[in-house]
Amino acid sequence: MWVVPEARRRGVSKAILAALEMRARSEHVAALRLETGVESHAALNLYTQAGFRKRGPFGDYREDPLSVFMEKELSKHPR
């Protein structure tokens, strides 16, 4: 996810993430996973505040010193 500079600090990313989570819950998805860059400090803060925790690579990803892998188990978090 990338938000243009003029839309930052207005809650746009938080709203998009909440909508994605709501949709995932409605589809009975058990967990959300993501990859972001180690220098994406705003994104890392957003995801951490939203309940995502660091984890290892998933799918076809490999360990990468420039990547951070995160997950949020939806069954453990209230709507």
PDB file of N, CA and C in Angstrom:
ATOM      1  N   MET A   1       0.863  -1.165   0.000  1.00  0.00           N
ATOM      2  CA  MET A   1       0.000   0.000   0.000  1.00  0.00           C
ATOM      3  C   MET A   1       0.907   1.225   0.000  1.00  0.00           C
ATOM      4  N   TRP A   2       0.525   2.201  -0.789  1.00  0.00           N
ATOM      5  CA  TRP A   2       1.281   3.451  -0.838  1.00  0.00           C
ATOM      6  C   TRP A   2       0.288   4.593  -0.910  1.00  0.00           C
ATOM      7  N   VAL A   3       0.456   5.563  -0.042  1.00  0.00           N
ATOM      8  CA  VAL A   3      -0.440   6.719  -0.026  1.00  0.00           C
ATOM      9  C   VAL A   3       0.355   7.935  -0.505  1.00  0.00           C
ATOM     10  N   VAL A   4      -0.213   8.682  -1.432  1.00  0.00           N
ATOM     11  CA  VAL A   4       0.471   9.864  -1.960  1.00  0.00           C
ATOM     12  C   VAL A   4       0.726  10.850  -0.822  1.00  0.00           C
ATOM     13  N   PRO A   5       1.826  11.589  -0.905  1.00  0.00           N
ATOM     14  CA  PRO A   5       2.213  12.493   0.189  1.00  0.00           C
ATOM     15  C   PRO A   5       1.102  13.433   0.657  1.00  0.00           C
ATOM     16  N   GLU A   6       0.321  13.996  -0.256  1.00  0.00           N
ATOM     17  CA  GLU A   6      -0.714  14.950   0.157  1.00  0.00           C
ATOM     18  C   GLU A   6      -1.871  14.299   0.924  1.00  0.00           C
ATOM     19  N   ALA A   7      -1.965  12.985   0.904  1.00  0.00           N
ATOM     20  CA  ALA A   7      -3.026  12.287   1.640  1.00  0.00           C
ATOM     21  C   ALA A   7      -2.525  11.684   2.951  1.00  0.00           C
ATOM     22  N   ARG A   8      -1.262  11.838   3.231  1.00  0.00           N
ATOM     23  CA  ARG A   8      -0.691  11.241   4.445  1.00  0.00           C
ATOM     24  C   ARG A   8      -1.120  12.005   5.689  1.00  0.00           C
ATOM     25  N   ARG A   9      -1.084  11.260   6.808  1.00  0.00           N
ATOM     26  CA  ARG A   9      -1.431  11.805   8.135  1.00  0.00           C
ATOM     27  C   ARG A   9      -2.892  12.238   8.202  1.00  0.00           C
ATOM     28  N   ARG A  10      -3.727  11.617   7.382  1.00  0.00           N
ATOM     29  CA  ARG A  10      -5.164  11.901   7.385  1.00  0.00           C
ATOM     30  C   ARG A  10      -5.984  10.639   7.680  1.00  0.00           C
ATOM     31  N   GLY A  11      -5.297   9.554   8.013  1.00  0.00           N
ATOM     32  CA  GLY A  11      -5.993   8.316   8.339  1.00  0.00           C
ATOM     33  C   GLY A  11      -6.357   7.458   7.138  1.00  0.00           C
ATOM     34  N   VAL A  12      -5.851   7.808   5.961  1.00  0.00           N
ATOM     35  CA  VAL A  12      -6.191   7.057   4.750  1.00  0.00           C
ATOM     36  C   VAL A  12      -5.682   5.620   4.841  1.00  0.00           C
ATOM     37  N   SER A  13      -4.420   5.447   5.189  1.00  0.00           N
ATOM     38  CA  SER A  13      -3.853   4.096   5.295  1.00  0.00           C
ATOM     39  C   SER A  13      -4.578   3.269   6.338  1.00  0.00           C
ATOM     40  N   LYS A  14      -4.875   3.883   7.468  1.00  0.00           N
ATOM     41  CA  LYS A  14      -5.581   3.183   8.541  1.00  0.00           C
ATOM     42  C   LYS A  14      -6.968   2.741   8.068  1.00  0.00           C
ATOM     43  N   ALA A  15      -7.662   3.601   7.329  1.00  0.00           N
ATOM     44  CA  ALA A  15      -8.997   3.269   6.818  1.00  0.00           C
ATOM     45  C   ALA A  15      -8.935   2.150   5.781  1.00  0.00           C
ATOM     46  N   ILE A  16      -7.935   2.200   4.902  1.00  0.00           N
ATOM     47  CA  ILE A  16      -7.781   1.140   3.897  1.00  0.00           C
ATOM     48  C   ILE A  16      -7.490  -0.186   4.579  1.00  0.00           C
ATOM     49  N   LEU A  17      -6.578  -0.176   5.536  1.00  0.00           N
ATOM     50  CA  LEU A  17      -6.230  -1.401   6.249  1.00  0.00           C
ATOM     51  C   LEU A  17      -7.433  -1.957   7.007  1.00  0.00           C
ATOM     52  N   ALA A  18      -8.216  -1.094   7.644  1.00  0.00           N
ATOM     53  CA  ALA A  18      -9.412  -1.544   8.372  1.00  0.00           C
ATOM     54  C   ALA A  18     -10.434  -2.152   7.413  1.00  0.00           C
ATOM     55  N   ALA A  19     -10.596  -1.545   6.243  1.00  0.00           N
ATOM     56  CA  ALA A  19     -11.541  -2.080   5.252  1.00  0.00           C
ATOM     57  C   ALA A  19     -11.070  -3.438   4.738  1.00  0.00           C
ATOM     58  N   LEU A  20      -9.774  -3.575   4.495  1.00  0.00           N
ATOM     59  CA  LEU A  20      -9.237  -4.868   4.050  1.00  0.00           C
ATOM     60  C   LEU A  20      -9.438  -5.940   5.118  1.00  0.00           C
ATOM     61  N   GLU A  21      -9.201  -5.574   6.374  1.00  0.00           N
ATOM     62  CA  GLU A  21      -9.389  -6.532   7.456  1.00  0.00           C
ATOM     63  C   GLU A  21     -10.860  -6.927   7.591  1.00  0.00           C
ATOM     64  N   MET A  22     -11.744  -5.960   7.496  1.00  0.00           N
ATOM     65  CA  MET A  22     -13.178  -6.253   7.583  1.00  0.00           C
ATOM     66  C   MET A  22     -13.600  -7.216   6.461  1.00  0.00           C
ATOM     67  N   ARG A  23     -13.119  -6.957   5.256  1.00  0.00           N
ATOM     68  CA  ARG A  23     -13.446  -7.829   4.122  1.00  0.00           C
ATOM     69  C   ARG A  23     -12.882  -9.228   4.351  1.00  0.00           C
ATOM     70  N   ALA A  24     -11.647  -9.302   4.826  1.00  0.00           N
ATOM     71  CA  ALA A  24     -11.039 -10.608   5.090  1.00  0.00           C
ATOM     72  C   ALA A  24     -11.844 -11.378   6.136  1.00  0.00           C
ATOM     73  N   ARG A  25     -12.269 -10.700   7.186  1.00  0.00           N
ATOM     74  CA  ARG A  25     -13.092 -11.361   8.209  1.00  0.00           C
ATOM     75  C   ARG A  25     -14.405 -11.861   7.613  1.00  0.00           C
ATOM     76  N   SER A  26     -15.021 -11.057   6.750  1.00  0.00           N
ATOM     77  CA  SER A  26     -16.292 -11.464   6.141  1.00  0.00           C
ATOM     78  C   SER A  26     -16.124 -12.683   5.244  1.00  0.00           C
ATOM     79  N   GLU A  27     -14.907 -12.889   4.756  1.00  0.00           N
ATOM     80  CA  GLU A  27     -14.593 -14.049   3.912  1.00  0.00           C
ATOM     81  C   GLU A  27     -13.997 -15.195   4.734  1.00  0.00           C
ATOM     82  N   HIS A  28     -14.000 -15.048   6.059  1.00  0.00           N
ATOM     83  CA  HIS A  28     -13.500 -16.060   6.993  1.00  0.00           C
ATOM     84  C   HIS A  28     -12.012 -16.365   6.796  1.00  0.00           C
ATOM     85  N   VAL A  29     -11.256 -15.352   6.456  1.00  0.00           N
ATOM     86  CA  VAL A  29      -9.806 -15.482   6.332  1.00  0.00           C
ATOM     87  C   VAL A  29      -9.228 -15.544   7.740  1.00  0.00           C
ATOM     88  N   ALA A  30      -8.337 -16.487   7.976  1.00  0.00           N
ATOM     89  CA  ALA A  30      -7.795 -16.694   9.321  1.00  0.00           C
ATOM     90  C   ALA A  30      -6.682 -15.717   9.675  1.00  0.00           C
ATOM     91  N   ALA A  31      -5.912 -15.281   8.692  1.00  0.00           N
ATOM     92  CA  ALA A  31      -4.775 -14.406   8.986  1.00  0.00           C
ATOM     93  C   ALA A  31      -4.444 -13.541   7.775  1.00  0.00           C
ATOM     94  N   LEU A  32      -3.920 -12.371   8.066  1.00  0.00           N
ATOM     95  CA  LEU A  32      -3.400 -11.477   7.027  1.00  0.00           C
ATOM     96  C   LEU A  32      -1.888 -11.478   7.137  1.00  0.00           C
ATOM     97  N   ARG A  33      -1.214 -11.545   6.013  1.00  0.00           N
ATOM     98  CA  ARG A  33       0.247 -11.512   5.990  1.00  0.00           C
ATOM     99  C   ARG A  33       0.698 -10.435   5.027  1.00  0.00           C
ATOM    100  N   LEU A  34       1.850  -9.856   5.338  1.00  0.00           N
ATOM    101  CA  LEU A  34       2.374  -8.812   4.464  1.00  0.00           C
ATOM    102  C   LEU A  34       3.891  -8.787   4.513  1.00  0.00           C
ATOM    103  N   GLU A  35       4.449  -8.121   3.513  1.00  0.00           N
ATOM    104  CA  GLU A  35       5.878  -7.872   3.439  1.00  0.00           C
ATOM    105  C   GLU A  35       6.043  -6.391   3.187  1.00  0.00           C
ATOM    106  N   THR A  36       6.975  -5.776   3.892  1.00  0.00           N
ATOM    107  CA  THR A  36       7.295  -4.372   3.677  1.00  0.00           C
ATOM    108  C   THR A  36       8.791  -4.187   3.861  1.00  0.00           C
ATOM    109  N   GLY A  37       9.273  -3.021   3.548  1.00  0.00           N
ATOM    110  CA  GLY A  37      10.701  -2.763   3.647  1.00  0.00           C
ATOM    111  C   GLY A  37      11.135  -2.336   5.035  1.00  0.00           C
ATOM    112  N   VAL A  38      12.373  -2.618   5.359  1.00  0.00           N
ATOM    113  CA  VAL A  38      12.905  -2.275   6.681  1.00  0.00           C
ATOM    114  C   VAL A  38      12.962  -0.765   6.898  1.00  0.00           C
ATOM    115  N   GLU A  39      13.006   0.003   5.831  1.00  0.00           N
ATOM    116  CA  GLU A  39      13.063   1.463   5.936  1.00  0.00           C
ATOM    117  C   GLU A  39      11.681   2.116   5.871  1.00  0.00           C
ATOM    118  N   SER A  40      10.637   1.314   5.756  1.00  0.00           N
ATOM    119  CA  SER A  40       9.262   1.842   5.677  1.00  0.00           C
ATOM    120  C   SER A  40       8.726   2.059   7.083  1.00  0.00           C
ATOM    121  N   HIS A  41       9.283   3.023   7.772  1.00  0.00           N
ATOM    122  CA  HIS A  41       8.981   3.232   9.186  1.00  0.00           C
ATOM    123  C   HIS A  41       7.504   3.554   9.440  1.00  0.00           C
ATOM    124  N   ALA A  42       6.907   4.383   8.614  1.00  0.00           N
ATOM    125  CA  ALA A  42       5.483   4.717   8.799  1.00  0.00           C
ATOM    126  C   ALA A  42       4.620   3.477   8.617  1.00  0.00           C
ATOM    127  N   ALA A  43       4.938   2.661   7.618  1.00  0.00           N
ATOM    128  CA  ALA A  43       4.172   1.433   7.379  1.00  0.00           C
ATOM    129  C   ALA A  43       4.338   0.462   8.549  1.00  0.00           C
ATOM    130  N   LEU A  44       5.570   0.297   8.998  1.00  0.00           N
ATOM    131  CA  LEU A  44       5.814  -0.610  10.127  1.00  0.00           C
ATOM    132  C   LEU A  44       5.054  -0.156  11.365  1.00  0.00           C
ATOM    133  N   ASN A  45       5.008   1.136  11.605  1.00  0.00           N
ATOM    134  CA  ASN A  45       4.265   1.671  12.739  1.00  0.00           C
ATOM    135  C   ASN A  45       2.764   1.412  12.572  1.00  0.00           C
ATOM    136  N   LEU A  46       2.244   1.676  11.375  1.00  0.00           N
ATOM    137  CA  LEU A  46       0.830   1.433  11.089  1.00  0.00           C
ATOM    138  C   LEU A  46       0.468  -0.022  11.348  1.00  0.00           C
ATOM    139  N   TYR A  47       1.241  -0.932  10.776  1.00  0.00           N
ATOM    140  CA  TYR A  47       0.933  -2.359  10.910  1.00  0.00           C
ATOM    141  C   TYR A  47       1.064  -2.834  12.351  1.00  0.00           C
ATOM    142  N   THR A  48       2.072  -2.364  13.064  1.00  0.00           N
ATOM    143  CA  THR A  48       2.245  -2.748  14.472  1.00  0.00           C
ATOM    144  C   THR A  48       1.064  -2.256  15.298  1.00  0.00           C
ATOM    145  N   GLN A  49       0.666  -1.008  15.096  1.00  0.00           N
ATOM    146  CA  GLN A  49      -0.483  -0.460  15.832  1.00  0.00           C
ATOM    147  C   GLN A  49      -1.771  -1.197  15.486  1.00  0.00           C
ATOM    148  N   ALA A  50      -1.857  -1.755  14.285  1.00  0.00           N
ATOM    149  CA  ALA A  50      -3.050  -2.494  13.862  1.00  0.00           C
ATOM    150  C   ALA A  50      -3.040  -3.938  14.360  1.00  0.00           C
ATOM    151  N   GLY A  51      -1.981  -4.339  15.063  1.00  0.00           N
ATOM    152  CA  GLY A  51      -1.957  -5.679  15.644  1.00  0.00           C
ATOM    153  C   GLY A  51      -1.130  -6.700  14.878  1.00  0.00           C
ATOM    154  N   PHE A  52      -0.405  -6.276  13.857  1.00  0.00           N
ATOM    155  CA  PHE A  52       0.468  -7.190  13.132  1.00  0.00           C
ATOM    156  C   PHE A  52       1.732  -7.422  13.937  1.00  0.00           C
ATOM    157  N   ARG A  53       2.272  -8.637  13.837  1.00  0.00           N
ATOM    158  CA  ARG A  53       3.509  -9.002  14.522  1.00  0.00           C
ATOM    159  C   ARG A  53       4.494  -9.552  13.496  1.00  0.00           C
ATOM    160  N   LYS A  54       5.779  -9.336  13.760  1.00  0.00           N
ATOM    161  CA  LYS A  54       6.809  -9.852  12.855  1.00  0.00           C
ATOM    162  C   LYS A  54       6.792 -11.367  12.839  1.00  0.00           C
ATOM    163  N   ARG A  55       7.117 -11.908  11.682  1.00  0.00           N
ATOM    164  CA  ARG A  55       7.188 -13.355  11.481  1.00  0.00           C
ATOM    165  C   ARG A  55       8.228 -13.617  10.408  1.00  0.00           C
ATOM    166  N   GLY A  56       8.481 -14.865  10.114  1.00  0.00           N
ATOM    167  CA  GLY A  56       9.414 -15.217   9.056  1.00  0.00           C
ATOM    168  C   GLY A  56       8.746 -15.140   7.689  1.00  0.00           C
ATOM    169  N   PRO A  57       9.530 -15.377   6.641  1.00  0.00           N
ATOM    170  CA  PRO A  57       8.983 -15.348   5.284  1.00  0.00           C
ATOM    171  C   PRO A  57       7.861 -16.371   5.099  1.00  0.00           C
ATOM    172  N   PHE A  58       7.001 -16.102   4.140  1.00  0.00           N
ATOM    173  CA  PHE A  58       5.882 -16.993   3.837  1.00  0.00           C
ATOM    174  C   PHE A  58       5.756 -17.116   2.324  1.00  0.00           C
ATOM    175  N   GLY A  59       4.966 -18.092   1.884  1.00  0.00           N
ATOM    176  CA  GLY A  59       4.785 -18.289   0.448  1.00  0.00           C
ATOM    177  C   GLY A  59       6.117 -18.508  -0.249  1.00  0.00           C
ATOM    178  N   ASP A  60       6.323 -17.811  -1.360  1.00  0.00           N
ATOM    179  CA  ASP A  60       7.568 -17.939  -2.121  1.00  0.00           C
ATOM    180  C   ASP A  60       8.658 -16.978  -1.672  1.00  0.00           C
ATOM    181  N   TYR A  61       8.395 -16.179  -0.630  1.00  0.00           N
ATOM    182  CA  TYR A  61       9.402 -15.249  -0.146  1.00  0.00           C
ATOM    183  C   TYR A  61      10.576 -16.001   0.484  1.00  0.00           C
ATOM    184  N   ARG A  62      11.729 -15.394   0.430  1.00  0.00           N
ATOM    185  CA  ARG A  62      12.931 -15.894   1.096  1.00  0.00           C
ATOM    186  C   ARG A  62      13.387 -14.836   2.094  1.00  0.00           C
ATOM    187  N   GLU A  63      14.210 -15.231   3.052  1.00  0.00           N
ATOM    188  CA  GLU A  63      14.802 -14.254   3.972  1.00  0.00           C
ATOM    189  C   GLU A  63      15.462 -13.166   3.143  1.00  0.00           C
ATOM    190  N   ASP A  64      15.268 -11.937   3.566  1.00  0.00           N
ATOM    191  CA  ASP A  64      15.844 -10.799   2.862  1.00  0.00           C
ATOM    192  C   ASP A  64      16.120  -9.717   3.892  1.00  0.00           C
ATOM    193  N   PRO A  65      17.345  -9.236   3.975  1.00  0.00           N
ATOM    194  CA  PRO A  65      17.666  -8.229   4.985  1.00  0.00           C
ATOM    195  C   PRO A  65      16.934  -6.899   4.771  1.00  0.00           C
ATOM    196  N   LEU A  66      16.344  -6.704   3.599  1.00  0.00           N
ATOM    197  CA  LEU A  66      15.620  -5.468   3.311  1.00  0.00           C
ATOM    198  C   LEU A  66      14.107  -5.609   3.503  1.00  0.00           C
ATOM    199  N   SER A  67      13.666  -6.806   3.900  1.00  0.00           N
ATOM    200  CA  SER A  67      12.237  -7.070   4.054  1.00  0.00           C
ATOM    201  C   SER A  67      11.857  -7.362   5.495  1.00  0.00           C
ATOM    202  N   VAL A  68      10.639  -6.967   5.838  1.00  0.00           N
ATOM    203  CA  VAL A  68      10.032  -7.319   7.124  1.00  0.00           C
ATOM    204  C   VAL A  68       8.735  -8.044   6.788  1.00  0.00           C
ATOM    205  N   PHE A  69       8.559  -9.207   7.364  1.00  0.00           N
ATOM    206  CA  PHE A  69       7.356 -10.005   7.158  1.00  0.00           C
ATOM    207  C   PHE A  69       6.504  -9.910   8.415  1.00  0.00           C
ATOM    208  N   MET A  70       5.206  -9.721   8.224  1.00  0.00           N
ATOM    209  CA  MET A  70       4.312  -9.539   9.365  1.00  0.00           C
ATOM    210  C   MET A  70       3.024 -10.325   9.146  1.00  0.00           C
ATOM    211  N   GLU A  71       2.329 -10.589  10.260  1.00  0.00           N
ATOM    212  CA  GLU A  71       1.083 -11.352  10.210  1.00  0.00           C
ATOM    213  C   GLU A  71       0.145 -10.881  11.315  1.00  0.00           C
ATOM    214  N   LYS A  72      -1.127 -10.965  11.022  1.00  0.00           N
ATOM    215  CA  LYS A  72      -2.159 -10.714  12.030  1.00  0.00           C
ATOM    216  C   LYS A  72      -3.159 -11.856  11.944  1.00  0.00           C
ATOM    217  N   GLU A  73      -3.281 -12.604  13.037  1.00  0.00           N
ATOM    218  CA  GLU A  73      -4.255 -13.687  13.095  1.00  0.00           C
ATOM    219  C   GLU A  73      -5.601 -13.071  13.437  1.00  0.00           C
ATOM    220  N   LEU A  74      -6.536 -13.168  12.526  1.00  0.00           N
ATOM    221  CA  LEU A  74      -7.828 -12.505  12.713  1.00  0.00           C
ATOM    222  C   LEU A  74      -8.692 -13.175  13.754  1.00  0.00           C
ATOM    223  N   SER A  75      -8.544 -14.468  13.933  1.00  0.00           N
ATOM    224  CA  SER A  75      -9.382 -15.155  14.920  1.00  0.00           C
ATOM    225  C   SER A  75      -9.071 -14.722  16.349  1.00  0.00           C
ATOM    226  N   LYS A  76      -7.898 -14.113  16.583  1.00  0.00           N
ATOM    227  CA  LYS A  76      -7.489 -13.694  17.922  1.00  0.00           C
ATOM    228  C   LYS A  76      -7.815 -12.237  18.202  1.00  0.00           C
ATOM    229  N   HIS A  77      -8.349 -11.535  17.224  1.00  0.00           N
ATOM    230  CA  HIS A  77      -8.595 -10.112  17.384  1.00  0.00           C
ATOM    231  C   HIS A  77     -10.070  -9.793  17.160  1.00  0.00           C
ATOM    232  N   PRO A  78     -10.651  -9.029  18.041  1.00  0.00           N
ATOM    233  CA  PRO A  78     -12.072  -8.672  17.871  1.00  0.00           C
ATOM    234  C   PRO A  78     -12.284  -7.790  16.650  1.00  0.00           C
ATOM    235  N   ARG A  79     -13.489  -7.789  16.172  1.00  0.00           N
ATOM    236  CA  ARG A  79     -13.846  -6.973  15.003  1.00  0.00           C
ATOM    237  C   ARG A  79     -13.809  -5.555  15.335  1.00  0.00           C
TER     238      ARG A  79
END
